[in-house]
């Protein structure tokens, strides 16, 4: 009889969004158990209820209140206890299932009890899969003996944040200061270690949910550098090469105290077979942008990525603008790299110059490799030739420029 009274009190407490427990004890949420609240009868400890995910009545759980469309509660049998466990239900009200009942009964404050359809049998833990999320170091390159923080970022479509609360995270970092670690709960999403040896180091993660599903993730490796490499510069032979010529870069100035430079690996360009410190790239269209990286390495397992100059190609046979002194041959252009044609009137005795003006603000420009700075409302003569139809490379570094013949 007392048990029926307690069950009735529990039903009334949930429906009214509060617990009327008499002399019973309200157990606060445990953040490591997905926000579980419990009611225990002090006179009969074997009878009680664990209330899981009762978000409306659990500010300690650190989760937002459930919406009105999902605020119904379900009580189901716990696998480890004779006490019923409360969880969400889509059928309305809440469900209480005791050890002697064959099917849970759904109670609603506004309708008679209903028997929901039986749930499908469990298929057991899932096979290891790799789409639970991604894993990698917070910094891709670190120095030897520096702290490396491995981090797991879940794929929310497969592995929700709620699922991680009771999951076990097993990290394997066999060649680190901490070869392995096992953490339950959200804190297991990251793992910090140190490496005393330089080179590339790997890590992996196995996640086991409370239900027994297993997720395996291989992490992106971390590069641990030894003796530093310094002084490297990767410069382009021409920052605005013509498509007929192609682009070329050379890396210079690299040094490494205590170790020898042993390699240059080019990414985004083709290494010169006769000189490992140089590389080229074929160009097919104007305004093509290429910015390769060369990975310089030494014999202490250090790898230094060196960013090369960015090139923007031009095409002398397909100019952007033809400057000829007419209204149609005068242009106002924003910052950018252009292939223009000098078609101003010229003769052996007098040549009209290309003029760059700054009608709206200061302009910085480079014409045929020579730099100019023009103040607002100022102008500069930047190019002239005794021949006409001469291609010229113009780069407006900043500002808006008016380009015309003098």
Protein backbone atom coordinates (compact mmCIF):
# COMPACT_ATOMS: atom_id res chain seq x y z
CA UNK A 1 0.00 0.00 0.00
CA UNK A 2 2.78 2.41 0.91
CA UNK A 3 4.42 1.75 -2.45
CA UNK A 4 1.23 2.69 -4.26
CA UNK A 5 1.01 5.90 -2.27
CA UNK A 6 4.62 6.77 -3.15
CA UNK A 7 4.01 5.99 -6.84
CA UNK A 8 0.97 8.24 -6.80
CA UNK A 9 2.95 11.01 -5.17
CA UNK A 10 5.67 10.64 -7.80
CA UNK A 11 3.14 10.83 -10.63
CA UNK A 12 1.56 13.94 -9.12
CA UNK A 13 4.97 15.59 -8.54
CA UNK A 14 6.10 15.15 -12.16
CA UNK A 15 2.82 16.28 -13.68
CA UNK A 16 2.88 19.43 -11.57
CA UNK A 17 6.59 20.06 -12.35
CA UNK A 18 7.76 19.63 -8.77
CA UNK A 19 8.52 16.84 -6.26
CA UNK A 20 6.15 16.40 -3.30
CA UNK A 21 8.15 13.77 -1.50
CA UNK A 22 7.00 13.96 2.13
CA UNK A 23 9.88 12.79 4.24
CA UNK A 24 11.75 11.34 1.27
CA UNK A 25 15.18 12.57 0.14
CA UNK A 26 15.66 14.48 -3.10
CA UNK A 27 18.95 13.47 -4.70
CA UNK A 28 20.58 16.25 -6.75
CA UNK A 29 21.82 15.75 -10.27
CA UNK A 30 25.20 14.19 -10.84
CA UNK A 31 26.95 15.87 -13.81
CA UNK A 32 28.76 12.62 -14.60
CA UNK A 33 25.48 10.69 -14.99
CA UNK A 34 23.65 12.84 -17.52
CA UNK A 35 21.69 14.85 -14.97
CA UNK A 36 19.95 12.11 -12.94
CA UNK A 37 17.63 13.02 -10.06
CA UNK A 38 16.37 10.39 -7.66
CA UNK A 39 13.64 9.98 -5.05
CA UNK A 40 14.32 7.39 -2.34
CA UNK A 41 11.90 6.27 0.35
CA UNK A 42 13.92 6.46 3.60
CA UNK A 43 11.72 3.82 5.24
CA UNK A 44 12.12 1.42 2.35
CA UNK A 45 15.34 2.11 0.40
CA UNK A 46 14.58 -0.66 -2.11
CA UNK A 47 11.67 1.39 -3.44
CA UNK A 48 12.34 4.68 -5.15
CA UNK A 49 12.79 6.31 -8.49
CA UNK A 50 15.72 7.68 -10.46
CA UNK A 51 14.58 10.57 -12.57
CA UNK A 52 16.77 10.89 -15.66
CA UNK A 53 16.79 13.98 -17.80
CA UNK A 54 14.02 15.78 -15.91
CA UNK A 55 15.27 19.08 -17.30
CA UNK A 56 12.36 21.20 -16.04
CA UNK A 57 13.17 20.30 -12.43
CA UNK A 58 16.93 20.15 -12.61
CA UNK A 59 18.70 23.52 -12.74
CA UNK A 60 21.79 21.79 -11.35
CA UNK A 61 22.07 19.67 -14.49
CA UNK A 62 23.40 22.57 -16.53
CA UNK A 63 20.95 22.01 -19.40
CA UNK A 64 18.16 24.15 -20.79
CA UNK A 65 14.56 23.32 -19.78
CA UNK A 66 12.81 20.96 -22.13
CA UNK A 67 10.32 22.44 -24.59
CA UNK A 68 6.62 21.90 -24.08
CA UNK A 69 6.55 19.39 -26.95
CA UNK A 70 9.08 17.12 -25.23
CA UNK A 71 8.37 17.65 -21.54
CA UNK A 72 6.64 14.29 -21.05
CA UNK A 73 8.40 11.81 -18.81
CA UNK A 74 8.94 8.07 -19.05
CA UNK A 75 9.88 5.61 -16.32
CA UNK A 76 11.52 2.39 -17.40
CA UNK A 77 13.26 -0.46 -15.67
CA UNK A 78 16.91 -0.01 -14.81
CA UNK A 79 19.24 -2.81 -15.86
CA UNK A 80 21.15 -2.61 -12.56
CA UNK A 81 18.40 -1.94 -10.02
CA UNK A 82 14.79 -2.81 -9.19
CA UNK A 83 14.01 0.92 -9.02
CA UNK A 84 12.19 2.37 -12.04
CA UNK A 85 14.06 4.99 -14.09
CA UNK A 86 12.40 8.09 -15.50
CA UNK A 87 13.13 9.14 -19.09
CA UNK A 88 11.41 10.94 -21.97
CA UNK A 89 8.42 9.43 -23.74
CA UNK A 90 6.72 10.36 -27.01
CA UNK A 91 3.47 8.70 -25.94
CA UNK A 92 2.48 11.25 -23.31
CA UNK A 93 2.80 11.44 -19.51
CA UNK A 94 5.36 9.13 -17.99
CA UNK A 95 5.87 5.37 -17.86
CA UNK A 96 6.39 3.21 -14.79
CA UNK A 97 7.61 -0.31 -15.35
CA UNK A 98 8.27 -2.57 -12.37
CA UNK A 99 10.17 -5.82 -12.36
CA UNK A 100 6.92 -7.77 -12.50
CA UNK A 101 5.22 -5.94 -15.36
CA UNK A 102 5.55 -7.25 -18.90
CA UNK A 103 4.97 -3.91 -20.64
CA UNK A 104 5.30 -0.31 -19.49
CA UNK A 105 2.09 1.58 -18.85
CA UNK A 106 1.90 5.19 -19.98
CA UNK A 107 0.14 7.55 -17.58
CA UNK A 108 -1.13 10.94 -18.65
CA UNK A 109 -2.82 13.55 -16.53
CA UNK A 110 -5.44 14.02 -19.25
CA UNK A 111 -6.08 10.52 -20.56
CA UNK A 112 -6.48 6.89 -19.53
CA UNK A 113 -3.47 4.58 -19.41
CA UNK A 114 -2.23 3.24 -22.74
CA UNK A 115 0.02 0.33 -23.55
CA UNK A 116 2.77 1.38 -25.98
CA UNK A 117 4.09 -1.06 -28.57
CA UNK A 118 6.94 -3.28 -27.43
CA UNK A 119 10.40 -1.95 -28.22
CA UNK A 120 12.68 -3.81 -30.60
CA UNK A 121 15.31 -6.05 -29.08
CA UNK A 122 18.83 -4.72 -28.71
CA UNK A 123 21.30 -5.63 -31.41
CA UNK A 124 24.27 -5.28 -29.08
CA UNK A 125 27.22 -2.88 -29.27
CA UNK A 126 27.95 -1.37 -32.65
CA UNK A 127 31.07 -2.28 -34.58
CA UNK A 128 33.90 0.27 -34.44
CA UNK A 129 33.24 3.18 -36.80
CA UNK A 130 35.21 6.31 -37.63
CA UNK A 131 32.50 8.89 -38.37
CA UNK A 132 31.90 9.85 -34.73
CA UNK A 133 34.03 12.95 -35.24
CA UNK A 134 37.55 14.17 -35.77
CA UNK A 135 40.64 14.15 -33.59
CA UNK A 136 43.90 16.05 -33.78
CA UNK A 137 46.40 18.26 -31.95
CA UNK A 138 45.42 21.85 -31.15
CA UNK A 139 48.75 22.90 -32.76
CA UNK A 140 50.00 20.94 -35.75
CA UNK A 141 53.69 21.74 -35.04
CA UNK A 142 55.23 22.03 -31.56
CA UNK A 143 58.70 22.06 -30.06
CA UNK A 144 60.15 19.07 -28.26
CA UNK A 145 59.03 18.81 -24.59
CA UNK A 146 56.14 21.24 -25.21
CA UNK A 147 52.63 20.28 -24.11
CA UNK A 148 50.48 18.72 -26.83
CA UNK A 149 46.72 18.82 -26.38
CA UNK A 150 44.83 16.21 -28.37
CA UNK A 151 41.17 17.13 -28.88
CA UNK A 152 38.11 15.22 -30.10
CA UNK A 153 35.36 17.14 -31.94
CA UNK A 154 32.21 15.09 -32.36
CA UNK A 155 30.12 14.73 -35.50
CA UNK A 156 26.82 15.83 -33.97
CA UNK A 157 24.85 13.90 -36.59
CA UNK A 158 26.33 10.65 -35.25
CA UNK A 159 27.59 11.36 -31.75
CA UNK A 160 25.59 13.91 -29.75
CA UNK A 161 26.95 15.90 -26.82
CA UNK A 162 24.45 14.16 -24.53
CA UNK A 163 25.82 10.77 -25.54
CA UNK A 164 29.31 11.77 -24.41
CA UNK A 165 28.30 12.46 -20.80
CA UNK A 166 28.39 8.79 -19.77
CA UNK A 167 30.86 7.59 -22.40
CA UNK A 168 34.36 6.29 -21.68
CA UNK A 169 37.20 7.88 -23.65
CA UNK A 170 40.32 5.74 -24.08
CA UNK A 171 43.31 7.63 -25.49
CA UNK A 172 46.34 5.83 -26.90
CA UNK A 173 49.52 7.94 -27.21
CA UNK A 174 52.07 5.16 -26.85
CA UNK A 175 55.24 7.23 -27.44
CA UNK A 176 54.24 10.15 -25.17
CA UNK A 177 54.81 10.97 -21.51
CA UNK A 178 51.39 9.42 -20.79
CA UNK A 179 51.06 6.37 -23.06
CA UNK A 180 47.35 5.94 -22.42
CA UNK A 181 44.46 7.45 -20.52
CA UNK A 182 40.88 6.51 -19.73
CA UNK A 183 38.37 9.19 -18.75
CA UNK A 184 34.60 9.00 -18.26
CA UNK A 185 32.47 11.96 -19.29
CA UNK A 186 32.97 15.19 -21.19
CA UNK A 187 36.47 15.77 -19.78
CA UNK A 188 37.60 12.83 -21.88
CA UNK A 189 37.26 14.86 -25.06
CA UNK A 190 40.86 16.09 -24.65
CA UNK A 191 44.15 14.60 -23.50
CA UNK A 192 47.45 16.43 -22.80
CA UNK A 193 50.88 14.83 -23.16
CA UNK A 194 54.51 15.70 -23.86
CA UNK A 195 56.96 14.17 -26.33
CA UNK A 196 60.67 13.96 -25.57
CA UNK A 197 61.62 12.83 -29.08
CA UNK A 198 61.26 14.88 -32.25
CA UNK A 199 59.41 13.72 -35.34
CA UNK A 200 55.84 12.85 -36.22
CA UNK A 201 53.69 11.32 -33.48
CA UNK A 202 50.28 9.68 -33.74
CA UNK A 203 47.34 9.17 -31.39
CA UNK A 204 44.05 7.29 -31.45
CA UNK A 205 40.83 7.37 -29.47
CA UNK A 206 38.23 4.75 -28.62
CA UNK A 207 34.88 5.88 -27.25
CA UNK A 208 32.55 3.43 -25.55
CA UNK A 209 29.04 4.62 -24.75
CA UNK A 210 27.09 3.55 -21.68
CA UNK A 211 25.00 1.34 -23.97
CA UNK A 212 28.13 -0.40 -25.24
CA UNK A 213 28.49 1.14 -28.69
CA UNK A 214 32.13 1.61 -29.70
CA UNK A 215 33.57 4.42 -31.83
CA UNK A 216 37.19 4.44 -33.03
CA UNK A 217 38.94 7.57 -34.28
CA UNK A 218 42.48 7.94 -35.65
CA UNK A 219 43.90 11.38 -34.92
CA UNK A 220 45.74 13.68 -37.27
CA UNK A 221 49.44 13.40 -36.30
CA UNK A 222 51.47 16.12 -34.59
CA UNK A 223 54.91 17.24 -35.74
CA UNK A 224 57.37 17.63 -32.86
CA UNK A 225 60.43 19.63 -33.87
CA UNK A 226 63.95 19.26 -32.55
CA UNK A 227 66.78 21.64 -33.51
CA UNK A 228 65.15 24.76 -34.99
CA UNK A 229 65.44 25.87 -38.61
CA UNK A 230 65.68 29.64 -39.10
CA UNK A 231 66.22 32.31 -41.73
CA UNK A 232 64.32 30.73 -44.62
CA UNK A 233 62.79 32.93 -47.34
CA UNK A 234 61.00 31.74 -50.45
CA UNK A 235 60.88 34.44 -53.13
CA UNK A 236 59.33 34.57 -56.58
CA UNK A 237 61.47 35.50 -59.59
CA UNK A 238 58.52 37.61 -60.81
CA UNK A 239 55.36 38.26 -58.80
CA UNK A 240 53.38 38.92 -61.99
CA UNK A 241 54.76 36.47 -64.54
CA UNK A 242 53.28 36.10 -67.99
CA UNK A 243 51.45 32.85 -68.70
CA UNK A 244 53.90 32.18 -71.53
CA UNK A 245 56.82 32.16 -69.08
CA UNK A 246 55.46 30.50 -65.94
CA UNK A 247 56.34 31.06 -62.29
CA UNK A 248 59.54 30.28 -60.40
CA UNK A 249 60.50 30.39 -56.70
CA UNK A 250 63.76 29.90 -54.79
CA UNK A 251 64.20 29.27 -51.05
CA UNK A 252 67.29 30.80 -49.46
CA UNK A 253 68.82 31.64 -46.07
CA UNK A 254 67.92 28.44 -44.19
CA UNK A 255 70.18 27.41 -41.31
CA UNK A 256 69.97 25.00 -38.38
CA UNK A 257 72.37 25.12 -35.44
CA UNK A 258 73.21 21.63 -34.22
CA UNK A 259 71.68 19.88 -37.23
CA UNK A 260 72.02 19.73 -41.01
CA UNK A 261 69.40 20.80 -43.56
CA UNK A 262 68.59 17.65 -45.51
CA UNK A 263 65.43 18.22 -47.51
CA UNK A 264 63.07 20.57 -49.35
CA UNK A 265 59.57 19.27 -50.07
CA UNK A 266 57.52 21.54 -52.37
CA UNK A 267 53.73 21.69 -52.13
CA UNK A 268 51.96 23.55 -54.95
CA UNK A 269 55.00 23.75 -57.24
CA UNK A 270 57.28 21.35 -59.11
CA UNK A 271 60.82 21.02 -57.78
CA UNK A 272 63.67 21.76 -60.16
CA UNK A 273 65.32 18.36 -60.77
CA UNK A 274 68.74 20.02 -60.83
CA UNK A 275 68.28 22.22 -57.72
CA UNK A 276 66.13 21.20 -54.74
CA UNK A 277 65.89 24.78 -53.49
CA UNK A 278 64.00 25.94 -56.61
CA UNK A 279 60.59 25.08 -58.04
CA UNK A 280 58.35 26.16 -60.90
CA UNK A 281 54.67 26.22 -61.80
CA UNK A 282 53.05 26.28 -65.23
CA UNK A 283 50.43 28.98 -65.78
CA UNK A 284 47.38 28.59 -68.00
CA UNK A 285 45.23 31.70 -67.50
CA UNK A 286 45.70 35.32 -66.54
CA UNK A 287 45.01 36.32 -62.94
CA UNK A 288 45.96 32.81 -61.85
CA UNK A 289 47.09 32.87 -58.21
CA UNK A 290 49.79 30.48 -56.99
CA UNK A 291 51.37 30.46 -53.51
CA UNK A 292 53.36 27.28 -52.84
CA UNK A 293 54.83 26.09 -49.53
CA UNK A 294 58.22 24.42 -49.14
CA UNK A 295 58.74 22.13 -46.14
CA UNK A 296 62.36 22.42 -45.06
CA UNK A 297 63.70 19.58 -42.88
CA UNK A 298 66.86 18.77 -40.95
CA UNK A 299 68.37 15.57 -39.58
CA UNK A 300 66.90 16.21 -36.11
CA UNK A 301 63.39 15.48 -37.46
CA UNK A 302 62.46 19.18 -37.59
CA UNK A 303 60.10 20.26 -40.37
CA UNK A 304 59.55 23.97 -41.07
CA UNK A 305 56.82 25.02 -43.55
CA UNK A 306 57.96 28.14 -45.43
CA UNK A 307 55.33 30.18 -47.25
CA UNK A 308 56.49 31.38 -50.68
CA UNK A 309 55.59 34.64 -52.41
CA UNK A 310 52.15 34.73 -54.00
CA UNK A 311 52.18 35.30 -57.75
CA UNK A 312 49.32 36.58 -59.92
CA UNK A 313 49.76 35.80 -63.59
CA UNK A 314 49.24 38.16 -66.51
CA UNK A 315 48.74 37.55 -70.21
CA UNK A 316 50.37 39.99 -72.62
CA UNK A 317 48.18 38.69 -75.44
CA UNK A 318 45.00 39.39 -73.46
CA UNK A 319 45.42 42.75 -71.67
CA UNK A 320 42.97 44.02 -69.10
CA UNK A 321 43.13 47.63 -70.34
CA UNK A 322 44.47 49.49 -73.36
CA UNK A 323 45.47 53.06 -72.46
CA UNK A 324 45.22 55.19 -75.59
CA UNK A 325 44.33 58.71 -74.44
CA UNK A 326 40.67 58.55 -75.47
CA UNK A 327 37.70 58.59 -73.09
CA UNK A 328 37.31 54.84 -73.61
CA UNK A 329 41.02 54.40 -72.92
CA UNK A 330 40.94 56.01 -69.48
CA UNK A 331 40.20 53.72 -66.52
CA UNK A 332 39.45 53.92 -62.80
CA UNK A 333 40.50 50.69 -61.07
CA UNK A 334 40.56 49.36 -57.50
CA UNK A 335 43.50 47.61 -55.87
CA UNK A 336 44.64 44.67 -57.95
CA UNK A 337 47.15 43.42 -60.52
CA UNK A 338 46.57 44.33 -64.15
CA UNK A 339 48.09 43.79 -67.56
CA UNK A 340 47.77 47.07 -69.47
CA UNK A 341 48.95 48.20 -72.87
CA UNK A 342 50.71 51.51 -73.41
CA UNK A 343 49.01 52.90 -76.52
CA UNK A 344 49.47 56.61 -75.85
CA UNK A 345 50.47 58.89 -78.74
CA UNK A 346 54.20 58.78 -79.25
CA UNK A 347 56.93 59.75 -81.69
CA UNK A 348 60.73 59.80 -81.76
CA UNK A 349 60.54 63.42 -80.61
CA UNK A 350 57.87 63.32 -77.89
CA UNK A 351 56.19 60.60 -75.83
CA UNK A 352 52.98 60.95 -73.83
CA UNK A 353 53.27 59.37 -70.37
CA UNK A 354 50.92 57.04 -68.54
CA UNK A 355 49.50 59.01 -65.60
CA UNK A 356 48.14 57.58 -62.34
CA UNK A 357 45.91 59.88 -60.31
CA UNK A 358 44.36 59.53 -56.83
CA UNK A 359 40.91 61.18 -57.10
CA UNK A 360 39.38 59.70 -53.92
CA UNK A 361 42.34 59.00 -51.63
CA UNK A 362 46.03 58.12 -51.55
CA UNK A 363 47.18 55.44 -53.99
CA UNK A 364 50.13 53.06 -53.81
CA UNK A 365 51.14 51.47 -57.10
CA UNK A 366 53.89 49.48 -58.78
CA UNK A 367 54.40 49.87 -62.53
CA UNK A 368 56.95 47.67 -64.27
CA UNK A 369 58.62 46.98 -60.91
CA UNK A 370 58.89 50.63 -59.83
CA UNK A 371 56.90 51.79 -56.79
CA UNK A 372 54.88 55.01 -56.57
CA UNK A 373 52.92 56.72 -53.79
CA UNK A 374 50.36 59.32 -54.88
CA UNK A 375 48.63 61.60 -52.38
CA UNK A 376 44.92 62.32 -52.67
CA UNK A 377 44.21 64.51 -55.72
CA UNK A 378 47.84 64.04 -56.76
CA UNK A 379 49.23 62.46 -59.91
CA UNK A 380 52.41 60.71 -61.08
CA UNK A 381 53.93 59.98 -64.47
CA UNK A 382 54.68 56.26 -64.33
CA UNK A 383 55.63 55.08 -67.81
CA UNK A 384 56.41 56.23 -71.37
CA UNK A 385 58.03 54.68 -74.41
CA UNK A 386 59.20 55.60 -77.90
CA UNK A 387 57.14 52.65 -79.13
CA UNK A 388 53.40 52.13 -78.93
CA UNK A 389 51.37 49.03 -78.01
CA UNK A 390 53.82 48.10 -75.26
CA UNK A 391 52.51 45.74 -72.53
CA UNK A 392 53.08 47.00 -68.97
CA UNK A 393 52.40 45.38 -65.60
CA UNK A 394 50.49 47.60 -63.18
CA UNK A 395 49.73 46.73 -59.57
CA UNK A 396 47.55 49.01 -57.47
CA UNK A 397 48.53 48.07 -53.93
CA UNK A 398 46.00 50.32 -52.19
CA UNK A 399 43.44 52.94 -53.05
CA UNK A 400 41.47 53.57 -56.23
CA UNK A 401 43.52 54.81 -59.18
CA UNK A 402 42.64 56.68 -62.36
CA UNK A 403 44.92 55.56 -65.21
CA UNK A 404 45.19 57.55 -68.44
CA UNK A 405 47.55 59.09 -70.98
CA UNK A 406 49.05 62.46 -70.18
